[in-house]
C-alpha atoms as a PDB file:
ATOM      1  CA  MET A   1      15.700  -8.378   2.706  1.00  0.00           C
ATOM      2  CA  LEU A   2      12.367  -9.023   4.429  1.00  0.00           C
ATOM      3  CA  GLY A   3      12.506 -12.712   3.513  1.00  0.00           C
ATOM      4  CA  LEU A   4      16.109 -13.019   4.683  1.00  0.00           C
ATOM      5  CA  VAL A   5      15.333 -11.470   8.063  1.00  0.00           C
ATOM      6  CA  ALA A   6      12.267 -13.696   8.523  1.00  0.00           C
ATOM      7  CA  GLY A   7      14.268 -16.758   7.485  1.00  0.00           C
ATOM      8  CA  LEU A   8      17.113 -15.996   9.890  1.00  0.00           C
ATOM      9  CA  LEU A   9      14.712 -15.374  12.765  1.00  0.00           C
ATOM     10  CA  ILE A  10      12.918 -18.650  12.066  1.00  0.00           C
ATOM     11  CA  ARG A  11      16.152 -20.599  11.621  1.00  0.00           C
ATOM     12  CA  TYR A  12      17.933 -19.351  14.728  1.00  0.00           C
ATOM     13  CA  GLY A  13      15.008 -18.386  16.950  1.00  0.00           C
ATOM     14  CA  GLY A  14      13.078 -20.633  19.228  1.00  0.00           C
ATOM     15  CA  PRO A  15       9.347 -21.364  19.302  1.00  0.00           C
ATOM     16  CA  ARG A  16       8.605 -17.875  20.681  1.00  0.00           C
ATOM     17  CA  ILE A  17      10.375 -16.184  17.777  1.00  0.00           C
ATOM     18  CA  VAL A  18       8.616 -18.435  15.266  1.00  0.00           C
ATOM     19  CA  ALA A  19       5.274 -17.529  16.872  1.00  0.00           C
ATOM     20  CA  LEU A  20       6.199 -13.823  16.736  1.00  0.00           C
ATOM     21  CA  VAL A  21       7.226 -14.005  13.055  1.00  0.00           C
ATOM     22  CA  ARG A  22       3.974 -15.840  12.236  1.00  0.00           C
ATOM     23  CA  TRP A  23       1.948 -13.242  14.161  1.00  0.00           C
ATOM     24  CA  LEU A  24       3.693 -10.371  12.348  1.00  0.00           C
ATOM     25  CA  ALA A  25       3.261 -12.062   8.952  1.00  0.00           C
ATOM     26  CA  ILE A  26      -0.470 -12.582   9.528  1.00  0.00           C
ATOM     27  CA  PHE A  27      -0.766  -8.990  10.808  1.00  0.00           C
ATOM     28  CA  ALA A  28       0.934  -7.638   7.647  1.00  0.00           C
ATOM     29  CA  LEU A  29      -0.928  -9.961   5.280  1.00  0.00           C
ATOM     30  CA  VAL A  30      -3.955  -7.780   4.518  1.00  0.00           C
ATOM     31  CA  GLY A  31      -1.878  -4.635   4.047  1.00  0.00           C
ATOM     32  CA  TRP A  32       0.517  -6.309   1.620  1.00  0.00           C
ATOM     33  CA  ILE A  33      -2.316  -7.894  -0.331  1.00  0.00           C
ATOM     34  CA  VAL A  34      -4.202  -4.581  -0.616  1.00  0.00           C
ATOM     35  CA  GLU A  35      -1.141  -2.403  -1.377  1.00  0.00           C
ATOM     36  CA  PRO A  36      -0.698  -3.334  -5.072  1.00  0.00           C
ATOM     37  CA  PHE A  37      -4.365  -2.533  -5.704  1.00  0.00           C
ATOM     38  CA  LYS A  38      -4.687   0.548  -3.469  1.00  0.00           C
ATOM     39  CA  THR A  39      -3.925   3.029  -6.236  1.00  0.00           C
ATOM     40  CA  LEU A  40      -6.545   1.425  -8.456  1.00  0.00           C
ATOM     41  CA  LEU A  41      -9.048   1.431  -5.582  1.00  0.00           C
ATOM     42  CA  LEU A  42      -8.505   5.086  -4.662  1.00  0.00           C
ATOM     43  CA  ALA A  43      -8.203   6.565  -8.151  1.00  0.00           C
ATOM     44  CA  PRO A  44     -11.216   7.391 -10.306  1.00  0.00           C
ATOM     45  CA  VAL A  45     -12.322   4.460 -12.446  1.00  0.00           C
ATOM     46  CA  GLY A  46     -11.734   6.444 -15.648  1.00  0.00           C
ATOM     47  CA  LEU A  47      -8.112   7.071 -14.683  1.00  0.00           C
ATOM     48  CA  ALA A  48      -7.536   3.426 -13.802  1.00  0.00           C
ATOM     49  CA  PHE A  49      -8.926   2.285 -17.165  1.00  0.00           C
ATOM     50  CA  ALA A  50      -6.930   4.939 -19.036  1.00  0.00           C
ATOM     51  CA  GLN A  51      -3.712   3.812 -17.335  1.00  0.00           C
ATOM     52  CA  LEU A  52      -4.392   0.151 -18.027  1.00  0.00           C
ATOM     53  CA  ARG A  53      -5.254   0.901 -21.659  1.00  0.00           C
ATOM     54  CA  LEU A  54      -2.497   3.431 -22.422  1.00  0.00           C
ATOM     55  CA  THR A  55       0.386   2.287 -20.203  1.00  0.00           C
ATOM     56  CA  PRO A  56      -0.160  -1.322 -19.105  1.00  0.00           C
ATOM     57  CA  VAL A  57       3.575  -1.988 -18.757  1.00  0.00           C
ATOM     58  CA  THR A  58       4.001   1.014 -16.461  1.00  0.00           C
ATOM     59  CA  VAL A  59       1.097  -0.131 -14.299  1.00  0.00           C
ATOM     60  CA  LEU A  60       2.676  -3.587 -14.024  1.00  0.00           C
ATOM     61  CA  MET A  61       6.149  -2.177 -13.321  1.00  0.00           C
ATOM     62  CA  ASP A  62       4.719   0.044 -10.574  1.00  0.00           C
ATOM     63  CA  ALA A  63       3.081  -2.995  -8.963  1.00  0.00           C
ATOM     64  CA  LEU A  64       6.114  -5.324  -9.136  1.00  0.00           C
ATOM     65  CA  PRO A  65       8.139  -3.796  -6.267  1.00  0.00           C
ATOM     66  CA  VAL A  66       5.153  -4.324  -3.979  1.00  0.00           C
ATOM     67  CA  LEU A  67       4.263  -7.808  -5.208  1.00  0.00           C
ATOM     68  CA  LEU A  68       7.532  -9.452  -4.104  1.00  0.00           C
ATOM     69  CA  PRO A  69       7.288  -8.463  -0.417  1.00  0.00           C
ATOM     70  CA  ALA A  70       3.577  -9.305  -0.541  1.00  0.00           C
ATOM     71  CA  ALA A  71       4.419 -12.783  -1.843  1.00  0.00           C
ATOM     72  CA  ILE A  72       7.051 -13.248   0.872  1.00  0.00           C
ATOM     73  CA  VAL A  73       4.600 -12.294   3.626  1.00  0.00           C
ATOM     74  CA  VAL A  74       1.945 -14.641   2.207  1.00  0.00           C
ATOM     75  CA  VAL A  75       4.417 -17.555   1.991  1.00  0.00           C
ATOM     76  CA  VAL A  76       5.758 -16.955   5.519  1.00  0.00           C
ATOM     77  CA  ALA A  77       2.243 -16.725   6.987  1.00  0.00           C
ATOM     78  CA  LEU A  78       1.111 -19.881   5.180  1.00  0.00           C
ATOM     79  CA  GLN A  79       4.229 -21.906   5.941  1.00  0.00           C
ATOM     80  CA  LEU A  80       4.224 -20.987   9.625  1.00  0.00           C
ATOM     81  CA  SER A  81       0.539 -21.955   9.831  1.00  0.00           C
ATOM     82  CA  ARG A  82       1.178 -25.513   8.592  1.00  0.00           C
ATOM     83  CA  PRO A  83       0.173 -28.377  10.901  1.00  0.00           C
ATOM     84  CA  GLU A  84       3.800 -29.503  11.388  1.00  0.00           C
ATOM     85  CA  VAL A  85       4.794 -26.081  12.686  1.00  0.00           C
ATOM     86  CA  ARG A  86       1.769 -25.930  14.955  1.00  0.00           C
ATOM     87  CA  ALA A  87       2.614 -29.425  16.271  1.00  0.00           C
ATOM     88  CA  ALA A  88       6.198 -28.293  16.980  1.00  0.00           C
ATOM     89  CA  GLN A  89       4.831 -25.285  18.863  1.00  0.00           C
ATOM     90  CA  ILE A  90       2.619 -27.547  20.981  1.00  0.00           C
ATOM     91  CA  ALA A  91       5.545 -29.927  21.614  1.00  0.00           C
ATOM     92  CA  ALA A  92       7.601 -26.937  22.830  1.00  0.00           C
ATOM     93  CA  GLY A  93       4.849 -26.078  25.318  1.00  0.00           C
ATOM     94  CA  ARG A  94       3.355 -23.174  23.372  1.00  0.00           C
ATOM     95  CA  ARG A  95      -0.276 -22.874  22.427  1.00  0.00           C
ATOM     96  CA  PRO A  96      -0.390 -21.689  18.786  1.00  0.00           C
ATOM     97  CA  SER A  97      -2.758 -18.833  18.102  1.00  0.00           C
ATOM     98  CA  THR A  98      -5.540 -19.085  15.567  1.00  0.00           C
ATOM     99  CA  GLY A  99      -4.246 -15.963  13.830  1.00  0.00           C
ATOM    100  CA  ARG A 100      -7.569 -14.150  14.121  1.00  0.00           C
ATOM    101  CA  VAL A 101      -6.276 -11.335  16.333  1.00  0.00           C
ATOM    102  CA  PRO A 102      -3.334 -10.299  14.093  1.00  0.00           C
ATOM    103  CA  LEU A 103      -5.501 -10.715  11.000  1.00  0.00           C
ATOM    104  CA  MET A 104      -8.261  -8.477  12.415  1.00  0.00           C
ATOM    105  CA  LEU A 105      -5.749  -5.896  13.680  1.00  0.00           C
ATOM    106  CA  GLY A 106      -4.051  -5.881  10.260  1.00  0.00           C
ATOM    107  CA  LEU A 107      -7.422  -5.504   8.558  1.00  0.00           C
ATOM    108  CA  LEU A 108      -8.378  -2.587  10.833  1.00  0.00           C
ATOM    109  CA  LEU A 109      -5.030  -0.874  10.288  1.00  0.00           C
ATOM    110  CA  THR A 110      -5.236  -1.356   6.513  1.00  0.00           C
ATOM    111  CA  LEU A 111      -8.809  -0.065   6.319  1.00  0.00           C
ATOM    112  CA  GLY A 112      -7.832   2.897   8.490  1.00  0.00           C
ATOM    113  CA  ALA A 113      -4.819   3.720   6.296  1.00  0.00           C
ATOM    114  CA  VAL A 114      -6.855   3.428   3.087  1.00  0.00           C
ATOM    115  CA  GLY A 115      -9.556   5.610   4.675  1.00  0.00           C
ATOM    116  CA  VAL A 116      -7.010   8.294   5.588  1.00  0.00           C
ATOM    117  CA  ASP A 117      -5.545   8.148   2.059  1.00  0.00           C
ATOM    118  CA  TYR A 118      -9.024   8.508   0.583  1.00  0.00           C
ATOM    119  CA  TYR A 119      -9.845  11.441   2.865  1.00  0.00           C
ATOM    120  CA  VAL A 120      -6.566  13.257   2.100  1.00  0.00           C
ATOM    121  CA  LEU A 121      -6.648  12.608  -1.662  1.00  0.00           C
ATOM    122  CA  ASN A 122     -10.241  13.878  -1.902  1.00  0.00           C
ATOM    123  CA  GLY A 123      -9.932  16.752   0.552  1.00  0.00           C
ATOM    124  CA  VAL A 124      -9.769  20.503   0.073  1.00  0.00           C
ATOM    125  CA  ALA A 125      -5.992  20.636  -0.465  1.00  0.00           C
ATOM    126  CA  ALA A 126      -6.140  17.840  -3.063  1.00  0.00           C
ATOM    127  CA  GLN A 127      -8.954  19.616  -4.889  1.00  0.00           C
ATOM    128  CA  HIS A 128      -6.902  22.809  -4.876  1.00  0.00           C
ATOM    129  CA  ALA A 129      -3.960  20.909  -6.393  1.00  0.00           C
ATOM    130  CA  SER A 130      -6.224  19.576  -9.158  1.00  0.00           C
ATOM    131  CA  GLN A 131      -7.517  23.107  -9.812  1.00  0.00           C
ATOM    132  CA  LEU A 132      -3.948  24.433 -10.125  1.00  0.00           C
ATOM    133  CA  ALA A 133      -3.120  21.695 -12.627  1.00  0.00           C
ATOM    134  CA  ALA A 134      -6.342  22.388 -14.545  1.00  0.00           C
ATOM    135  CA  ARG A 135      -5.399  26.073 -14.816  1.00  0.00           C
ATOM    136  CA  GLN A 136      -2.075  25.000 -16.289  1.00  0.00           C
ATOM    137  CA  PHE A 137      -3.287  22.339 -18.758  1.00  0.00           C
ATOM    138  CA  GLY A 138      -6.895  23.272 -19.438  1.00  0.00           C
ATOM    139  CA  ALA A 139     -10.218  21.527 -19.820  1.00  0.00           C
ATOM    140  CA  GLY A 140      -9.018  18.799 -22.187  1.00  0.00           C
ATOM    141  CA  TYR A 141      -8.158  16.553 -19.248  1.00  0.00           C
ATOM    142  CA  GLN A 142      -9.707  15.089 -16.148  1.00  0.00           C
ATOM    143  CA  TYR A 143      -7.660  15.590 -12.969  1.00  0.00           C
ATOM    144  CA  TYR A 144      -6.923  13.557  -9.855  1.00  0.00           C
ATOM    145  CA  THR A 145      -4.448  14.361  -7.079  1.00  0.00           C
ATOM    146  CA  ASN A 146      -2.566  11.134  -6.386  1.00  0.00           C
ATOM    147  CA  SER A 147      -0.094  12.424  -3.805  1.00  0.00           C
ATOM    148  CA  LEU A 148      -0.085  15.337  -1.410  1.00  0.00           C
ATOM    149  CA  SER A 149       2.551  16.480   1.083  1.00  0.00           C
ATOM    150  CA  MET A 150       2.754  19.344   3.525  1.00  0.00           C
ATOM    151  CA  VAL A 151       5.982  21.330   3.568  1.00  0.00           C
ATOM    152  CA  LEU A 152       6.703  22.265   7.172  1.00  0.00           C
ATOM    153  CA  ASP A 153       9.956  24.222   6.843  1.00  0.00           C
ATOM    154  CA  GLU A 154      10.207  27.988   6.360  1.00  0.00           C
ATOM    155  CA  ARG A 155       8.436  27.699   2.973  1.00  0.00           C
ATOM    156  CA  ARG A 156       5.251  26.267   4.580  1.00  0.00           C
ATOM    157  CA  GLY A 157       2.835  25.028   1.974  1.00  0.00           C
ATOM    158  CA  TYR A 158       1.967  21.955  -0.069  1.00  0.00           C
ATOM    159  CA  THR A 159       3.446  19.894  -2.856  1.00  0.00           C
ATOM    160  CA  ALA A 160       1.318  17.500  -4.845  1.00  0.00           C
ATOM    161  CA  THR A 161       1.317  15.326  -7.908  1.00  0.00           C
ATOM    162  CA  VAL A 162      -1.789  15.501 -10.056  1.00  0.00           C
ATOM    163  CA  GLN A 163      -2.618  12.963 -12.719  1.00  0.00           C
ATOM    164  CA  ALA A 164      -4.256  14.396 -15.814  1.00  0.00           C
ATOM    165  CA  TRP A 165      -5.780  12.050 -18.361  1.00  0.00           C
ATOM    166  CA  ASN A 166      -7.877  11.903 -21.478  1.00  0.00           C
ATOM    167  CA  ASP A 167      -8.377   9.330 -24.261  1.00  0.00           C
ATOM    168  CA  LYS A 168      -4.856   9.871 -25.614  1.00  0.00           C
ATOM    169  CA  GLU A 169      -2.533  10.244 -22.633  1.00  0.00           C
ATOM    170  CA  VAL A 170      -1.942  10.196 -18.900  1.00  0.00           C
ATOM    171  CA  ARG A 171       0.315  12.908 -17.460  1.00  0.00           C
ATOM    172  CA  LEU A 172       1.852  13.559 -14.062  1.00  0.00           C
ATOM    173  CA  ILE A 173       1.837  17.219 -13.093  1.00  0.00           C
ATOM    174  CA  PRO A 174       3.795  18.440 -10.058  1.00  0.00           C
ATOM    175  CA  VAL A 175       2.205  21.425  -8.307  1.00  0.00           C
ATOM    176  CA  GLN A 176       3.087  23.393  -5.219  1.00  0.00           C
ATOM    177  CA  TRP A 177       1.702  26.357  -3.346  1.00  0.00           C
ATOM    178  CA  LYS A 178       2.241  28.247  -0.123  1.00  0.00           C
ATOM    179  CA  ASN A 179      -0.254  28.525   2.703  1.00  0.00           C
END
């Protein structure tokens, strides 16, 4: 869908729209490139190796839905940065940007988002979720909270998913608790 929208905007838009699509593609570039690897970057190294060793197909299948949009963004950014496109922009009276500003803004946003994820997934609530899972499954596993959500309705509390792993398996354990 992303590629179709970008293609239609480029096809039927003028030089301004092409410049906007290029700017947005360059802005999104870093985030889409980092996204397939974010889980591996945030998770403990032992968990990442256990997943790759025990369930390589699952790791690949989890990455595939993110790789296609990432590839589309990369292709759009590269194609709209070609010299012919830049020459057409100049001929239309537009000065093409270097792409540094959207790239730096995208980098800052991506680093900020990864930093927030790291802070949340290693914070007090995430540690509590891991402790609840450890009480349930014991000391034969190592634990890592890979998702955490606050429930803000009348039940007020948290829901989390904790990954438990050892040499033989990787498990997902849902946990929840009230404030």
